[in-house]
């Protein structure tokens, strides 16, 4: 089950480079899923710990599953990802 939706993706950000798109529904973010995301706090914790590394994601896009690899890192914008997640 999806637990978050990508509300926005900033051009040139790590999220954009990973291929994430607005309206993608996050099904898995590393080891995090609908059962353990803790109001998305677990996503923030994993993102911070993964700076300079990689996080595998499974997202639902247009009724199909898509696997992407996100590389959290410092970039010219805010945060490490450049996307805004909202809980579902």
PDB file of N, CA and C in Angstrom:
ATOM      1  N   UNK A   1       0.839  -1.191   0.000  1.00  0.00           N
ATOM      2  CA  UNK A   1       0.000   0.000   0.000  1.00  0.00           C
ATOM      3  C   UNK A   1       0.877   1.245   0.000  1.00  0.00           C
ATOM      4  N   UNK A   2       0.426   2.262  -0.685  1.00  0.00           N
ATOM      5  CA  UNK A   2       1.152   3.527  -0.726  1.00  0.00           C
ATOM      6  C   UNK A   2       0.989   4.246   0.603  1.00  0.00           C
ATOM      7  N   UNK A   3       2.030   4.947   1.053  1.00  0.00           N
ATOM      8  CA  UNK A   3       1.930   5.696   2.305  1.00  0.00           C
ATOM      9  C   UNK A   3       2.247   7.178   2.139  1.00  0.00           C
ATOM     10  N   UNK A   4       2.763   7.573   0.966  1.00  0.00           N
ATOM     11  CA  UNK A   4       3.066   8.981   0.723  1.00  0.00           C
ATOM     12  C   UNK A   4       2.937   9.269  -0.767  1.00  0.00           C
ATOM     13  N   UNK A   5       2.727  10.545  -1.058  1.00  0.00           N
ATOM     14  CA  UNK A   5       2.634  10.994  -2.447  1.00  0.00           C
ATOM     15  C   UNK A   5       3.667  12.089  -2.654  1.00  0.00           C
ATOM     16  N   UNK A   6       4.295  12.101  -3.816  1.00  0.00           N
ATOM     17  CA  UNK A   6       5.242  13.153  -4.162  1.00  0.00           C
ATOM     18  C   UNK A   6       4.415  14.355  -4.626  1.00  0.00           C
ATOM     19  N   UNK A   7       4.412  15.425  -3.828  1.00  0.00           N
ATOM     20  CA  UNK A   7       3.612  16.606  -4.150  1.00  0.00           C
ATOM     21  C   UNK A   7       4.345  17.525  -5.115  1.00  0.00           C
ATOM     22  N   UNK A   8       5.679  17.557  -5.036  1.00  0.00           N
ATOM     23  CA  UNK A   8       6.453  18.400  -5.948  1.00  0.00           C
ATOM     24  C   UNK A   8       7.873  17.859  -6.058  1.00  0.00           C
ATOM     25  N   UNK A   9       8.484  18.102  -7.214  1.00  0.00           N
ATOM     26  CA  UNK A   9       9.878  17.727  -7.478  1.00  0.00           C
ATOM     27  C   UNK A   9      10.550  18.945  -8.104  1.00  0.00           C
ATOM     28  N   UNK A  10      11.685  19.354  -7.560  1.00  0.00           N
ATOM     29  CA  UNK A  10      12.421  20.511  -8.069  1.00  0.00           C
ATOM     30  C   UNK A  10      13.383  20.074  -9.169  1.00  0.00           C
ATOM     31  N   UNK A  11      13.355  20.785 -10.270  1.00  0.00           N
ATOM     32  CA  UNK A  11      14.237  20.519 -11.404  1.00  0.00           C
ATOM     33  C   UNK A  11      15.689  20.544 -10.952  1.00  0.00           C
ATOM     34  N   UNK A  12      16.473  19.567 -11.389  1.00  0.00           N
ATOM     35  CA  UNK A  12      17.892  19.527 -11.059  1.00  0.00           C
ATOM     36  C   UNK A  12      18.204  18.946  -9.696  1.00  0.00           C
ATOM     37  N   UNK A  13      17.190  18.517  -8.964  1.00  0.00           N
ATOM     38  CA  UNK A  13      17.381  17.982  -7.612  1.00  0.00           C
ATOM     39  C   UNK A  13      17.729  16.492  -7.663  1.00  0.00           C
ATOM     40  N   UNK A  14      18.222  15.940  -6.539  1.00  0.00           N
ATOM     41  CA  UNK A  14      18.446  14.493  -6.485  1.00  0.00           C
ATOM     42  C   UNK A  14      17.179  13.693  -6.814  1.00  0.00           C
ATOM     43  N   UNK A  15      16.017  14.169  -6.368  1.00  0.00           N
ATOM     44  CA  UNK A  15      14.758  13.468  -6.671  1.00  0.00           C
ATOM     45  C   UNK A  15      14.481  13.476  -8.165  1.00  0.00           C
ATOM     46  N   UNK A  16      14.703  14.616  -8.813  1.00  0.00           N
ATOM     47  CA  UNK A  16      14.490  14.702 -10.265  1.00  0.00           C
ATOM     48  C   UNK A  16      15.469  13.802 -11.013  1.00  0.00           C
ATOM     49  N   UNK A  17      16.736  13.788 -10.560  1.00  0.00           N
ATOM     50  CA  UNK A  17      17.740  12.960 -11.224  1.00  0.00           C
ATOM     51  C   UNK A  17      17.434  11.470 -11.062  1.00  0.00           C
ATOM     52  N   UNK A  18      16.747  11.101  -9.974  1.00  0.00           N
ATOM     53  CA  UNK A  18      16.356   9.707  -9.766  1.00  0.00           C
ATOM     54  C   UNK A  18      15.159   9.327 -10.636  1.00  0.00           C
ATOM     55  N   UNK A  19      14.485  10.327 -11.201  1.00  0.00           N
ATOM     56  CA  UNK A  19      13.328  10.038 -12.041  1.00  0.00           C
ATOM     57  C   UNK A  19      11.997  10.115 -11.322  1.00  0.00           C
ATOM     58  N   UNK A  20      11.992  10.630 -10.077  1.00  0.00           N
ATOM     59  CA  UNK A  20      10.720  10.782  -9.373  1.00  0.00           C
ATOM     60  C   UNK A  20       9.884  11.865 -10.046  1.00  0.00           C
ATOM     61  N   UNK A  21       8.569  11.680  -9.999  1.00  0.00           N
ATOM     62  CA  UNK A  21       7.655  12.636 -10.629  1.00  0.00           C
ATOM     63  C   UNK A  21       6.554  13.019  -9.651  1.00  0.00           C
ATOM     64  N   UNK A  22       6.016  14.210  -9.845  1.00  0.00           N
ATOM     65  CA  UNK A  22       4.863  14.627  -9.055  1.00  0.00           C
ATOM     66  C   UNK A  22       3.752  13.601  -9.239  1.00  0.00           C
ATOM     67  N   UNK A  23       3.045  13.340  -8.159  1.00  0.00           N
ATOM     68  CA  UNK A  23       1.929  12.388  -8.087  1.00  0.00           C
ATOM     69  C   UNK A  23       2.371  10.933  -7.957  1.00  0.00           C
ATOM     70  N   UNK A  24       3.683  10.642  -8.016  1.00  0.00           N
ATOM     71  CA  UNK A  24       4.122   9.275  -7.716  1.00  0.00           C
ATOM     72  C   UNK A  24       3.682   8.941  -6.297  1.00  0.00           C
ATOM     73  N   UNK A  25       3.246   7.711  -6.089  1.00  0.00           N
ATOM     74  CA  UNK A  25       2.853   7.238  -4.760  1.00  0.00           C
ATOM     75  C   UNK A  25       3.939   6.312  -4.237  1.00  0.00           C
ATOM     76  N   UNK A  26       4.464   6.644  -3.065  1.00  0.00           N
ATOM     77  CA  UNK A  26       5.572   5.872  -2.495  1.00  0.00           C
ATOM     78  C   UNK A  26       5.024   4.631  -1.789  1.00  0.00           C
ATOM     79  N   UNK A  27       5.480   3.472  -2.249  1.00  0.00           N
ATOM     80  CA  UNK A  27       5.085   2.190  -1.661  1.00  0.00           C
ATOM     81  C   UNK A  27       6.187   1.689  -0.725  1.00  0.00           C
ATOM     82  N   UNK A  28       7.439   1.896  -1.127  1.00  0.00           N
ATOM     83  CA  UNK A  28       8.578   1.487  -0.300  1.00  0.00           C
ATOM     84  C   UNK A  28       9.685   2.516  -0.445  1.00  0.00           C
ATOM     85  N   UNK A  29      10.283   2.899   0.681  1.00  0.00           N
ATOM     86  CA  UNK A  29      11.382   3.871   0.720  1.00  0.00           C
ATOM     87  C   UNK A  29      12.477   3.212   1.543  1.00  0.00           C
ATOM     88  N   UNK A  30      13.418   2.552   0.873  1.00  0.00           N
ATOM     89  CA  UNK A  30      14.382   1.727   1.596  1.00  0.00           C
ATOM     90  C   UNK A  30      13.628   0.600   2.287  1.00  0.00           C
ATOM     91  N   UNK A  31      13.783   0.479   3.602  1.00  0.00           N
ATOM     92  CA  UNK A  31      13.079  -0.557   4.362  1.00  0.00           C
ATOM     93  C   UNK A  31      11.715  -0.057   4.882  1.00  0.00           C
ATOM     94  N   UNK A  32      11.350   1.174   4.549  1.00  0.00           N
ATOM     95  CA  UNK A  32      10.147   1.795   5.109  1.00  0.00           C
ATOM     96  C   UNK A  32       8.947   1.560   4.196  1.00  0.00           C
ATOM     97  N   UNK A  33       7.826   1.213   4.821  1.00  0.00           N
ATOM     98  CA  UNK A  33       6.591   1.012   4.057  1.00  0.00           C
ATOM     99  C   UNK A  33       5.406   1.528   4.859  1.00  0.00           C
ATOM    100  N   UNK A  34       4.210   1.164   4.466  1.00  0.00           N
ATOM    101  CA  UNK A  34       2.999   1.678   5.107  1.00  0.00           C
ATOM    102  C   UNK A  34       2.880   1.270   6.570  1.00  0.00           C
ATOM    103  N   UNK A  35       3.602   0.236   6.985  1.00  0.00           N
ATOM    104  CA  UNK A  35       3.466  -0.255   8.363  1.00  0.00           C
ATOM    105  C   UNK A  35       4.402   0.425   9.353  1.00  0.00           C
ATOM    106  N   UNK A  36       5.456   1.104   8.875  1.00  0.00           N
ATOM    107  CA  UNK A  36       6.477   1.592   9.812  1.00  0.00           C
ATOM    108  C   UNK A  36       7.002   2.990   9.490  1.00  0.00           C
ATOM    109  N   UNK A  37       6.250   3.809   8.752  1.00  0.00           N
ATOM    110  CA  UNK A  37       6.788   5.118   8.342  1.00  0.00           C
ATOM    111  C   UNK A  37       6.707   6.178   9.437  1.00  0.00           C
ATOM    112  N   UNK A  38       5.924   5.952  10.493  1.00  0.00           N
ATOM    113  CA  UNK A  38       5.892   6.844  11.665  1.00  0.00           C
ATOM    114  C   UNK A  38       5.595   8.296  11.261  1.00  0.00           C
ATOM    115  N   UNK A  39       4.472   8.517  10.576  1.00  0.00           N
ATOM    116  CA  UNK A  39       4.080   9.840  10.072  1.00  0.00           C
ATOM    117  C   UNK A  39       5.201  10.482   9.244  1.00  0.00           C
ATOM    118  N   UNK A  40       5.889   9.655   8.468  1.00  0.00           N
ATOM    119  CA  UNK A  40       7.002  10.049   7.586  1.00  0.00           C
ATOM    120  C   UNK A  40       8.281  10.408   8.341  1.00  0.00           C
ATOM    121  N   UNK A  41       8.282  10.344   9.678  1.00  0.00           N
ATOM    122  CA  UNK A  41       9.520  10.636  10.421  1.00  0.00           C
ATOM    123  C   UNK A  41      10.614   9.628  10.083  1.00  0.00           C
ATOM    124  N   UNK A  42      10.236   8.370   9.857  1.00  0.00           N
ATOM    125  CA  UNK A  42      11.235   7.352   9.515  1.00  0.00           C
ATOM    126  C   UNK A  42      11.890   7.673   8.176  1.00  0.00           C
ATOM    127  N   UNK A  43      11.136   8.265   7.249  1.00  0.00           N
ATOM    128  CA  UNK A  43      11.687   8.674   5.956  1.00  0.00           C
ATOM    129  C   UNK A  43      12.753   9.752   6.172  1.00  0.00           C
ATOM    130  N   UNK A  44      12.457  10.736   7.009  1.00  0.00           N
ATOM    131  CA  UNK A  44      13.417  11.809   7.286  1.00  0.00           C
ATOM    132  C   UNK A  44      14.685  11.250   7.934  1.00  0.00           C
ATOM    133  N   UNK A  45      14.522  10.322   8.887  1.00  0.00           N
ATOM    134  CA  UNK A  45      15.688   9.741   9.560  1.00  0.00           C
ATOM    135  C   UNK A  45      16.564   8.976   8.567  1.00  0.00           C
ATOM    136  N   UNK A  46      15.947   8.137   7.734  1.00  0.00           N
ATOM    137  CA  UNK A  46      16.708   7.342   6.767  1.00  0.00           C
ATOM    138  C   UNK A  46      17.397   8.259   5.750  1.00  0.00           C
ATOM    139  N   UNK A  47      16.719   9.295   5.315  1.00  0.00           N
ATOM    140  CA  UNK A  47      17.307  10.231   4.350  1.00  0.00           C
ATOM    141  C   UNK A  47      18.567  10.873   4.927  1.00  0.00           C
ATOM    142  N   UNK A  48      18.497  11.344   6.169  1.00  0.00           N
ATOM    143  CA  UNK A  48      19.657  11.953   6.809  1.00  0.00           C
ATOM    144  C   UNK A  48      20.821  10.998   6.956  1.00  0.00           C
ATOM    145  N   UNK A  49      20.518   9.742   7.310  1.00  0.00           N
ATOM    146  CA  UNK A  49      21.574   8.732   7.479  1.00  0.00           C
ATOM    147  C   UNK A  49      22.161   8.290   6.147  1.00  0.00           C
ATOM    148  N   UNK A  50      21.446   8.532   5.046  1.00  0.00           N
ATOM    149  CA  UNK A  50      21.856   8.014   3.736  1.00  0.00           C
ATOM    150  C   UNK A  50      22.533   9.058   2.856  1.00  0.00           C
ATOM    151  N   UNK A  51      22.824  10.232   3.405  1.00  0.00           N
ATOM    152  CA  UNK A  51      23.486  11.264   2.604  1.00  0.00           C
ATOM    153  C   UNK A  51      24.771  10.703   2.001  1.00  0.00           C
ATOM    154  N   UNK A  52      24.932  10.866   0.702  1.00  0.00           N
ATOM    155  CA  UNK A  52      26.101  10.336   0.006  1.00  0.00           C
ATOM    156  C   UNK A  52      25.952   8.884  -0.406  1.00  0.00           C
ATOM    157  N   UNK A  53      24.844   8.244  -0.033  1.00  0.00           N
ATOM    158  CA  UNK A  53      24.593   6.856  -0.407  1.00  0.00           C
ATOM    159  C   UNK A  53      23.377   6.746  -1.309  1.00  0.00           C
ATOM    160  N   UNK A  54      22.687   5.630  -1.212  1.00  0.00           N
ATOM    161  CA  UNK A  54      21.547   5.370  -2.095  1.00  0.00           C
ATOM    162  C   UNK A  54      20.386   4.773  -1.321  1.00  0.00           C
ATOM    163  N   UNK A  55      19.175   5.088  -1.749  1.00  0.00           N
ATOM    164  CA  UNK A  55      17.960   4.514  -1.167  1.00  0.00           C
ATOM    165  C   UNK A  55      17.107   3.975  -2.312  1.00  0.00           C
ATOM    166  N   UNK A  56      16.802   2.664  -2.304  1.00  0.00           N
ATOM    167  CA  UNK A  56      15.909   2.128  -3.330  1.00  0.00           C
ATOM    168  C   UNK A  56      14.455   2.456  -2.981  1.00  0.00           C
ATOM    169  N   UNK A  57      13.709   2.897  -3.977  1.00  0.00           N
ATOM    170  CA  UNK A  57      12.290   3.225  -3.794  1.00  0.00           C
ATOM    171  C   UNK A  57      11.440   2.422  -4.751  1.00  0.00           C
ATOM    172  N   UNK A  58      10.245   2.094  -4.305  1.00  0.00           N
ATOM    173  CA  UNK A  58       9.210   1.540  -5.187  1.00  0.00           C
ATOM    174  C   UNK A  58       8.071   2.545  -5.164  1.00  0.00           C
ATOM    175  N   UNK A  59       7.688   3.023  -6.347  1.00  0.00           N
ATOM    176  CA  UNK A  59       6.589   3.972  -6.442  1.00  0.00           C
ATOM    177  C   UNK A  59       5.535   3.456  -7.407  1.00  0.00           C
ATOM    178  N   UNK A  60       4.291   3.835  -7.142  1.00  0.00           N
ATOM    179  CA  UNK A  60       3.201   3.510  -8.049  1.00  0.00           C
ATOM    180  C   UNK A  60       2.973   4.733  -8.930  1.00  0.00           C
ATOM    181  N   UNK A  61       3.046   4.519 -10.237  1.00  0.00           N
ATOM    182  CA  UNK A  61       2.869   5.607 -11.214  1.00  0.00           C
ATOM    183  C   UNK A  61       1.930   5.098 -12.301  1.00  0.00           C
ATOM    184  N   UNK A  62       0.818   5.792 -12.469  1.00  0.00           N
ATOM    185  CA  UNK A  62      -0.146   5.396 -13.517  1.00  0.00           C
ATOM    186  C   UNK A  62      -0.479   3.910 -13.434  1.00  0.00           C
ATOM    187  N   UNK A  63      -0.790   3.436 -12.246  1.00  0.00           N
ATOM    188  CA  UNK A  63      -1.222   2.041 -12.013  1.00  0.00           C
ATOM    189  C   UNK A  63      -0.146   0.994 -12.255  1.00  0.00           C
ATOM    190  N   UNK A  64       1.120   1.393 -12.328  1.00  0.00           N
ATOM    191  CA  UNK A  64       2.178   0.388 -12.431  1.00  0.00           C
ATOM    192  C   UNK A  64       3.281   0.720 -11.433  1.00  0.00           C
ATOM    193  N   UNK A  65       4.041  -0.303 -11.060  1.00  0.00           N
ATOM    194  CA  UNK A  65       5.121  -0.116 -10.103  1.00  0.00           C
ATOM    195  C   UNK A  65       6.405   0.267 -10.838  1.00  0.00           C
ATOM    196  N   UNK A  66       7.115   1.238 -10.274  1.00  0.00           N
ATOM    197  CA  UNK A  66       8.381   1.704 -10.842  1.00  0.00           C
ATOM    198  C   UNK A  66       9.416   1.682  -9.725  1.00  0.00           C
ATOM    199  N   UNK A  67      10.582   1.136 -10.014  1.00  0.00           N
ATOM    200  CA  UNK A  67      11.689   1.120  -9.042  1.00  0.00           C
ATOM    201  C   UNK A  67      12.672   2.222  -9.419  1.00  0.00           C
ATOM    202  N   UNK A  68      13.064   3.032  -8.441  1.00  0.00           N
ATOM    203  CA  UNK A  68      14.065   4.077  -8.676  1.00  0.00           C
ATOM    204  C   UNK A  68      15.084   4.043  -7.546  1.00  0.00           C
ATOM    205  N   UNK A  69      16.241   4.611  -7.792  1.00  0.00           N
ATOM    206  CA  UNK A  69      17.283   4.708  -6.770  1.00  0.00           C
ATOM    207  C   UNK A  69      17.560   6.181  -6.520  1.00  0.00           C
ATOM    208  N   UNK A  70      17.354   6.581  -5.279  1.00  0.00           N
ATOM    209  CA  UNK A  70      17.510   7.972  -4.869  1.00  0.00           C
ATOM    210  C   UNK A  70      18.862   8.125  -4.169  1.00  0.00           C
ATOM    211  N   UNK A  71      19.574   9.206  -4.487  1.00  0.00           N
ATOM    212  CA  UNK A  71      20.890   9.479  -3.888  1.00  0.00           C
ATOM    213  C   UNK A  71      20.818  10.792  -3.105  1.00  0.00           C
ATOM    214  N   UNK A  72      20.428  10.739  -1.816  1.00  0.00           N
ATOM    215  CA  UNK A  72      20.335  11.970  -1.023  1.00  0.00           C
ATOM    216  C   UNK A  72      21.693  12.671  -0.940  1.00  0.00           C
ATOM    217  N   UNK A  73      21.707  13.955  -1.261  1.00  0.00           N
ATOM    218  CA  UNK A  73      22.967  14.701  -1.214  1.00  0.00           C
ATOM    219  C   UNK A  73      22.692  16.197  -1.165  1.00  0.00           C
ATOM    220  N   UNK A  74      23.700  16.934  -0.757  1.00  0.00           N
ATOM    221  CA  UNK A  74      23.603  18.395  -0.771  1.00  0.00           C
ATOM    222  C   UNK A  74      23.561  18.845  -2.225  1.00  0.00           C
ATOM    223  N   UNK A  75      22.736  19.802  -2.499  1.00  0.00           N
ATOM    224  CA  UNK A  75      22.619  20.381  -3.838  1.00  0.00           C
ATOM    225  C   UNK A  75      22.277  21.839  -3.643  1.00  0.00           C
ATOM    226  N   UNK A  76      22.012  22.591  -4.720  1.00  0.00           N
ATOM    227  CA  UNK A  76      21.806  24.034  -4.558  1.00  0.00           C
ATOM    228  C   UNK A  76      20.513  24.398  -3.849  1.00  0.00           C
ATOM    229  N   UNK A  77      19.570  23.465  -3.782  1.00  0.00           N
ATOM    230  CA  UNK A  77      18.291  23.742  -3.127  1.00  0.00           C
ATOM    231  C   UNK A  77      18.263  23.292  -1.677  1.00  0.00           C
ATOM    232  N   UNK A  78      17.056  23.306  -1.103  1.00  0.00           N
ATOM    233  CA  UNK A  78      16.871  22.916   0.299  1.00  0.00           C
ATOM    234  C   UNK A  78      16.890  21.405   0.467  1.00  0.00           C
ATOM    235  N   UNK A  79      17.361  20.976   1.613  1.00  0.00           N
ATOM    236  CA  UNK A  79      17.307  19.562   1.965  1.00  0.00           C
ATOM    237  C   UNK A  79      18.254  18.709   1.145  1.00  0.00           C
ATOM    238  N   UNK A  80      18.012  17.401   1.193  1.00  0.00           N
ATOM    239  CA  UNK A  80      18.881  16.439   0.509  1.00  0.00           C
ATOM    240  C   UNK A  80      18.208  15.796  -0.691  1.00  0.00           C
ATOM    241  N   UNK A  81      16.897  16.055  -0.891  1.00  0.00           N
ATOM    242  CA  UNK A  81      16.147  15.365  -1.940  1.00  0.00           C
ATOM    243  C   UNK A  81      15.608  16.271  -3.037  1.00  0.00           C
ATOM    244  N   UNK A  82      15.049  17.417  -2.656  1.00  0.00           N
ATOM    245  CA  UNK A  82      14.448  18.295  -3.645  1.00  0.00           C
ATOM    246  C   UNK A  82      13.059  17.861  -4.063  1.00  0.00           C
ATOM    247  N   UNK A  83      12.354  17.205  -3.145  1.00  0.00           N
ATOM    248  CA  UNK A  83      10.963  16.855  -3.406  1.00  0.00           C
ATOM    249  C   UNK A  83      10.177  17.008  -2.115  1.00  0.00           C
ATOM    250  N   UNK A  84       8.882  17.148  -2.267  1.00  0.00           N
ATOM    251  CA  UNK A  84       8.005  17.297  -1.097  1.00  0.00           C
ATOM    252  C   UNK A  84       7.080  16.096  -1.031  1.00  0.00           C
ATOM    253  N   UNK A  85       7.175  15.344   0.073  1.00  0.00           N
ATOM    254  CA  UNK A  85       6.327  14.170   0.303  1.00  0.00           C
ATOM    255  C   UNK A  85       5.178  14.553   1.218  1.00  0.00           C
ATOM    256  N   UNK A  86       3.995  14.066   0.896  1.00  0.00           N
ATOM    257  CA  UNK A  86       2.849  14.259   1.777  1.00  0.00           C
ATOM    258  C   UNK A  86       2.272  12.891   2.123  1.00  0.00           C
ATOM    259  N   UNK A  87       1.826  12.719   3.378  1.00  0.00           N
ATOM    260  CA  UNK A  87       1.259  11.419   3.764  1.00  0.00           C
ATOM    261  C   UNK A  87      -0.063  11.169   3.051  1.00  0.00           C
ATOM    262  N   UNK A  88      -0.367   9.885   2.861  1.00  0.00           N
ATOM    263  CA  UNK A  88      -1.628   9.514   2.200  1.00  0.00           C
ATOM    264  C   UNK A  88      -2.599   8.978   3.231  1.00  0.00           C
TER     265      UNK A  88
END
